[in-house]
Structure formats: structure tokens, C-alpha cells
Amino acid sequence: MSDHSTSDHSKSSPLPTYFAVWIALLAGTYITYEVSKIDLGVFNAAVALTIATTKALLVALFFMHLKGASEKLLKLVVISTIFFLFILLALSMADYGTRLWS
């Protein structure tokens, strides 16, 4: 028989957790909307990115199942994220450096 038949069926359903995360994502979206109406000066981008990062972390941990993942998978995700972040920053700085400023 397959390995699936021997799995532990006594675990509770993740449905309540998924709904809680979904509600948290909706709340984060609403908070982002409300904060966007407030003039925070130079902190507007920082607050928006902090909220967006928190929401992305919730999605990655729960909906992408990284919370219970193996350590090797987590290392792979972190390394690839940092790699693509460096690519994004390098291309952005290359664009910024080649602009003609008047």
C-alpha cells in the first residue's frame, strides 16, 4: 500500500488556522488602506512595506506550508530570496545610475 494510508489521521484540520490567517490578511489590507490616508512623511513607504512584509510572511508560513517544512527547504527559500533581492537591487541601482539628471 502507499505511504498515505499509514499517515496519522488524528491531526486536527488546518481549516481554523487558514481562516485565522485569512482574517489577519484582510485586516492587514484594511490597515494598509487606512494608513495610506494618513500623511506620515518619510515613513509612508516604511510603514507600507512593513505591513506588506508581515502579510507576505503569513502567506509563506501558512499557505506555502513553510512553517512545518524541513530545514533544507527553509535554507533554500532564504538563499533564493536573498539572491533575487540582490538582483532587484542591482538592476534598480543600474537604472538609477544611468539616468540623466538635469
N, C-alpha and C. Protein backbone atom coordinates (compact mmCIF):
# COMPACT_ATOMS: atom_id res chain seq x y z
N MET A 1 0.83 -1.17 0.00
CA MET A 1 0.00 0.00 0.00
C MET A 1 0.88 1.24 0.00
N SER A 2 0.27 2.34 -0.29
CA SER A 2 1.03 3.59 -0.34
C SER A 2 1.28 4.13 1.07
N ASP A 3 2.23 5.06 1.15
CA ASP A 3 2.55 5.67 2.44
C ASP A 3 1.43 6.54 2.97
N HIS A 4 0.54 6.94 2.09
CA HIS A 4 -0.56 7.80 2.52
C HIS A 4 -1.56 7.08 3.42
N SER A 5 -1.66 5.79 3.26
CA SER A 5 -2.62 5.04 4.07
C SER A 5 -2.16 4.89 5.52
N THR A 6 -0.86 5.05 5.75
CA THR A 6 -0.35 4.90 7.11
C THR A 6 -0.20 6.24 7.83
N SER A 7 -0.61 7.31 7.19
CA SER A 7 -0.46 8.62 7.82
C SER A 7 -1.40 8.76 9.01
N ASP A 8 -1.06 9.67 9.90
CA ASP A 8 -1.82 9.87 11.11
C ASP A 8 -3.04 10.74 10.81
N HIS A 9 -4.23 10.15 10.95
CA HIS A 9 -5.45 10.89 10.67
C HIS A 9 -6.03 11.55 11.92
N SER A 10 -5.31 11.48 13.02
CA SER A 10 -5.82 12.07 14.25
C SER A 10 -5.51 13.57 14.35
N LYS A 11 -4.74 14.08 13.39
CA LYS A 11 -4.44 15.51 13.41
C LYS A 11 -5.71 16.30 13.15
N SER A 12 -5.79 17.47 13.77
CA SER A 12 -6.97 18.29 13.54
C SER A 12 -6.84 19.01 12.21
N SER A 13 -7.94 19.48 11.73
CA SER A 13 -8.00 20.16 10.44
C SER A 13 -7.32 21.52 10.53
N PRO A 14 -6.57 21.89 9.50
CA PRO A 14 -5.92 23.20 9.49
C PRO A 14 -6.88 24.33 9.10
N LEU A 15 -8.15 23.99 8.88
CA LEU A 15 -9.11 24.98 8.41
C LEU A 15 -9.25 26.18 9.35
N PRO A 16 -9.35 26.00 10.67
CA PRO A 16 -9.43 27.19 11.54
C PRO A 16 -8.19 28.07 11.46
N THR A 17 -7.04 27.46 11.30
CA THR A 17 -5.80 28.24 11.14
C THR A 17 -5.84 29.02 9.84
N TYR A 18 -6.28 28.39 8.77
CA TYR A 18 -6.37 29.08 7.48
C TYR A 18 -7.33 30.25 7.55
N PHE A 19 -8.44 30.07 8.22
CA PHE A 19 -9.40 31.19 8.35
C PHE A 19 -8.82 32.31 9.20
N ALA A 20 -8.09 31.97 10.25
CA ALA A 20 -7.47 32.99 11.09
C ALA A 20 -6.42 33.78 10.29
N VAL A 21 -5.63 33.08 9.49
CA VAL A 21 -4.64 33.77 8.66
C VAL A 21 -5.34 34.63 7.61
N TRP A 22 -6.40 34.14 7.04
CA TRP A 22 -7.16 34.90 6.04
C TRP A 22 -7.73 36.18 6.66
N ILE A 23 -8.26 36.06 7.87
CA ILE A 23 -8.77 37.25 8.57
C ILE A 23 -7.63 38.22 8.86
N ALA A 24 -6.48 37.70 9.24
CA ALA A 24 -5.32 38.57 9.50
C ALA A 24 -4.87 39.27 8.22
N LEU A 25 -4.93 38.58 7.09
CA LEU A 25 -4.58 39.21 5.81
C LEU A 25 -5.59 40.28 5.43
N LEU A 26 -6.85 40.01 5.66
CA LEU A 26 -7.87 41.04 5.40
C LEU A 26 -7.67 42.25 6.30
N ALA A 27 -7.36 42.00 7.56
CA ALA A 27 -7.09 43.10 8.49
C ALA A 27 -5.86 43.89 8.06
N GLY A 28 -4.83 43.19 7.61
CA GLY A 28 -3.64 43.87 7.11
C GLY A 28 -3.92 44.73 5.90
N THR A 29 -4.79 44.24 5.02
CA THR A 29 -5.18 45.03 3.85
C THR A 29 -5.95 46.27 4.27
N TYR A 30 -6.86 46.11 5.21
CA TYR A 30 -7.63 47.26 5.70
C TYR A 30 -6.72 48.27 6.40
N ILE A 31 -5.78 47.78 7.19
CA ILE A 31 -4.83 48.68 7.88
C ILE A 31 -3.99 49.43 6.86
N THR A 32 -3.55 48.74 5.81
CA THR A 32 -2.79 49.40 4.76
C THR A 32 -3.60 50.51 4.11
N TYR A 33 -4.88 50.23 3.85
CA TYR A 33 -5.76 51.23 3.25
C TYR A 33 -5.92 52.44 4.17
N GLU A 34 -6.15 52.19 5.44
CA GLU A 34 -6.35 53.30 6.38
C GLU A 34 -5.08 54.10 6.60
N VAL A 35 -3.94 53.42 6.68
CA VAL A 35 -2.67 54.12 6.90
C VAL A 35 -2.30 54.95 5.67
N SER A 36 -2.73 54.51 4.48
CA SER A 36 -2.40 55.26 3.27
C SER A 36 -3.07 56.63 3.24
N LYS A 37 -4.12 56.81 4.02
CA LYS A 37 -4.81 58.10 4.09
C LYS A 37 -4.14 59.06 5.07
N ILE A 38 -3.20 58.56 5.87
CA ILE A 38 -2.52 59.38 6.86
C ILE A 38 -1.17 59.81 6.29
N ASP A 39 -0.84 61.09 6.43
CA ASP A 39 0.46 61.57 5.96
C ASP A 39 1.50 61.33 7.05
N LEU A 40 2.37 60.38 6.80
CA LEU A 40 3.42 60.04 7.75
C LEU A 40 4.78 60.59 7.33
N GLY A 41 4.77 61.41 6.29
CA GLY A 41 6.02 61.99 5.81
C GLY A 41 6.92 60.95 5.20
N VAL A 42 8.16 60.91 5.66
CA VAL A 42 9.13 59.97 5.09
C VAL A 42 8.88 58.53 5.52
N PHE A 43 7.98 58.32 6.46
CA PHE A 43 7.71 56.96 6.96
C PHE A 43 6.59 56.25 6.21
N ASN A 44 5.98 56.89 5.22
CA ASN A 44 4.90 56.25 4.46
C ASN A 44 5.35 54.92 3.85
N ALA A 45 6.46 54.95 3.14
CA ALA A 45 6.94 53.73 2.49
C ALA A 45 7.34 52.67 3.51
N ALA A 46 7.97 53.08 4.60
CA ALA A 46 8.42 52.12 5.61
C ALA A 46 7.23 51.40 6.25
N VAL A 47 6.19 52.13 6.56
CA VAL A 47 5.00 51.52 7.17
C VAL A 47 4.32 50.58 6.18
N ALA A 48 4.17 51.03 4.94
CA ALA A 48 3.53 50.18 3.92
C ALA A 48 4.34 48.91 3.68
N LEU A 49 5.66 49.02 3.62
CA LEU A 49 6.48 47.84 3.40
C LEU A 49 6.50 46.90 4.60
N THR A 50 6.40 47.46 5.80
CA THR A 50 6.34 46.62 6.99
C THR A 50 5.05 45.80 7.01
N ILE A 51 3.94 46.43 6.68
CA ILE A 51 2.67 45.71 6.63
C ILE A 51 2.71 44.66 5.51
N ALA A 52 3.24 45.02 4.35
CA ALA A 52 3.32 44.08 3.23
C ALA A 52 4.23 42.90 3.56
N THR A 53 5.33 43.15 4.25
CA THR A 53 6.23 42.07 4.64
C THR A 53 5.57 41.12 5.62
N THR A 54 4.82 41.68 6.55
CA THR A 54 4.11 40.84 7.52
C THR A 54 3.08 39.96 6.81
N LYS A 55 2.36 40.53 5.87
CA LYS A 55 1.37 39.75 5.13
C LYS A 55 2.05 38.68 4.28
N ALA A 56 3.18 39.02 3.65
CA ALA A 56 3.90 38.02 2.84
C ALA A 56 4.43 36.90 3.72
N LEU A 57 4.87 37.23 4.92
CA LEU A 57 5.34 36.21 5.85
C LEU A 57 4.21 35.27 6.25
N LEU A 58 3.03 35.80 6.50
CA LEU A 58 1.88 34.94 6.82
C LEU A 58 1.56 34.00 5.66
N VAL A 59 1.57 34.52 4.45
CA VAL A 59 1.29 33.69 3.28
C VAL A 59 2.34 32.60 3.14
N ALA A 60 3.61 32.98 3.27
CA ALA A 60 4.68 31.99 3.11
C ALA A 60 4.64 30.92 4.19
N LEU A 61 4.41 31.32 5.42
CA LEU A 61 4.43 30.36 6.52
C LEU A 61 3.26 29.39 6.48
N PHE A 62 2.06 29.90 6.22
CA PHE A 62 0.89 29.05 6.35
C PHE A 62 0.37 28.50 5.03
N PHE A 63 0.22 29.34 4.01
CA PHE A 63 -0.35 28.85 2.76
C PHE A 63 0.68 28.14 1.89
N MET A 64 1.95 28.49 2.04
CA MET A 64 3.01 27.79 1.30
C MET A 64 3.63 26.68 2.15
N HIS A 65 3.11 26.48 3.34
CA HIS A 65 3.50 25.39 4.25
C HIS A 65 4.97 25.40 4.63
N LEU A 66 5.54 26.60 4.80
CA LEU A 66 6.92 26.68 5.23
C LEU A 66 7.07 26.55 6.74
N LYS A 67 5.96 26.67 7.47
CA LYS A 67 6.02 26.60 8.93
C LYS A 67 6.52 25.24 9.40
N GLY A 68 6.07 24.18 8.82
CA GLY A 68 6.48 22.85 9.24
C GLY A 68 7.45 22.20 8.27
N ALA A 69 8.08 22.98 7.43
CA ALA A 69 8.95 22.43 6.39
C ALA A 69 10.30 22.03 6.97
N SER A 70 11.02 21.28 6.17
CA SER A 70 12.34 20.83 6.58
C SER A 70 13.31 22.01 6.58
N GLU A 71 14.39 21.84 7.31
CA GLU A 71 15.40 22.90 7.43
C GLU A 71 16.07 23.18 6.08
N LYS A 72 16.26 22.16 5.27
CA LYS A 72 16.88 22.33 3.96
C LYS A 72 16.00 23.19 3.06
N LEU A 73 14.70 22.97 3.10
CA LEU A 73 13.79 23.76 2.29
C LEU A 73 13.80 25.22 2.74
N LEU A 74 13.82 25.44 4.04
CA LEU A 74 13.86 26.81 4.54
C LEU A 74 15.14 27.52 4.12
N LYS A 75 16.26 26.82 4.17
CA LYS A 75 17.53 27.41 3.71
C LYS A 75 17.46 27.76 2.23
N LEU A 76 16.88 26.88 1.44
CA LEU A 76 16.73 27.13 0.01
C LEU A 76 15.88 28.37 -0.24
N VAL A 77 14.78 28.48 0.47
CA VAL A 77 13.90 29.64 0.30
C VAL A 77 14.61 30.92 0.70
N VAL A 78 15.31 30.92 1.81
CA VAL A 78 16.01 32.12 2.28
C VAL A 78 17.11 32.51 1.30
N ILE A 79 17.91 31.55 0.85
CA ILE A 79 19.00 31.84 -0.07
C ILE A 79 18.46 32.37 -1.40
N SER A 80 17.41 31.75 -1.92
CA SER A 80 16.87 32.22 -3.20
C SER A 80 16.22 33.59 -3.05
N THR A 81 15.61 33.85 -1.91
CA THR A 81 15.01 35.18 -1.68
C THR A 81 16.09 36.25 -1.64
N ILE A 82 17.16 35.99 -0.93
CA ILE A 82 18.25 36.97 -0.85
C ILE A 82 18.90 37.15 -2.23
N PHE A 83 19.06 36.07 -2.98
CA PHE A 83 19.63 36.16 -4.32
C PHE A 83 18.79 37.06 -5.21
N PHE A 84 17.48 36.84 -5.23
CA PHE A 84 16.62 37.66 -6.08
C PHE A 84 16.49 39.09 -5.57
N LEU A 85 16.62 39.28 -4.27
CA LEU A 85 16.63 40.63 -3.73
C LEU A 85 17.86 41.39 -4.22
N PHE A 86 19.02 40.73 -4.23
CA PHE A 86 20.23 41.36 -4.75
C PHE A 86 20.11 41.68 -6.23
N ILE A 87 19.49 40.78 -7.00
CA ILE A 87 19.26 41.07 -8.41
C ILE A 87 18.37 42.29 -8.57
N LEU A 88 17.30 42.36 -7.80
CA LEU A 88 16.39 43.51 -7.86
C LEU A 88 17.11 44.80 -7.50
N LEU A 89 17.90 44.77 -6.44
CA LEU A 89 18.63 45.97 -6.04
C LEU A 89 19.69 46.36 -7.07
N ALA A 90 20.40 45.38 -7.62
CA ALA A 90 21.43 45.68 -8.62
C ALA A 90 20.82 46.30 -9.87
N LEU A 91 19.72 45.75 -10.34
CA LEU A 91 19.08 46.32 -11.53
C LEU A 91 18.49 47.70 -11.24
N SER A 92 17.95 47.88 -10.05
CA SER A 92 17.41 49.20 -9.69
C SER A 92 18.51 50.24 -9.61
N MET A 93 19.64 49.88 -9.01
CA MET A 93 20.76 50.81 -8.91
C MET A 93 21.38 51.09 -10.27
N ALA A 94 21.40 50.08 -11.15
CA ALA A 94 21.90 50.30 -12.51
C ALA A 94 20.99 51.28 -13.26
N ASP A 95 19.69 51.14 -13.08
CA ASP A 95 18.76 52.07 -13.70
C ASP A 95 18.93 53.47 -13.13
N TYR A 96 19.04 53.56 -11.83
CA TYR A 96 19.21 54.85 -11.17
C TYR A 96 20.52 55.52 -11.59
N GLY A 97 21.57 54.75 -11.72
CA GLY A 97 22.87 55.30 -12.07
C GLY A 97 22.98 55.76 -13.51
N THR A 98 22.15 55.25 -14.40
CA THR A 98 22.24 55.61 -15.82
C THR A 98 21.25 56.69 -16.22
N ARG A 99 20.49 57.22 -15.30
CA ARG A 99 19.53 58.28 -15.64
C ARG A 99 20.25 59.60 -15.81
N LEU A 100 19.75 60.37 -16.75
CA LEU A 100 20.30 61.70 -16.98
C LEU A 100 19.54 62.69 -16.12
N TRP A 101 20.23 63.27 -15.16
CA TRP A 101 19.61 64.22 -14.26
C TRP A 101 19.89 65.62 -14.77
N SER A 102 18.84 66.46 -14.86
CA SER A 102 19.06 67.83 -15.34
C SER A 102 19.19 68.83 -14.23
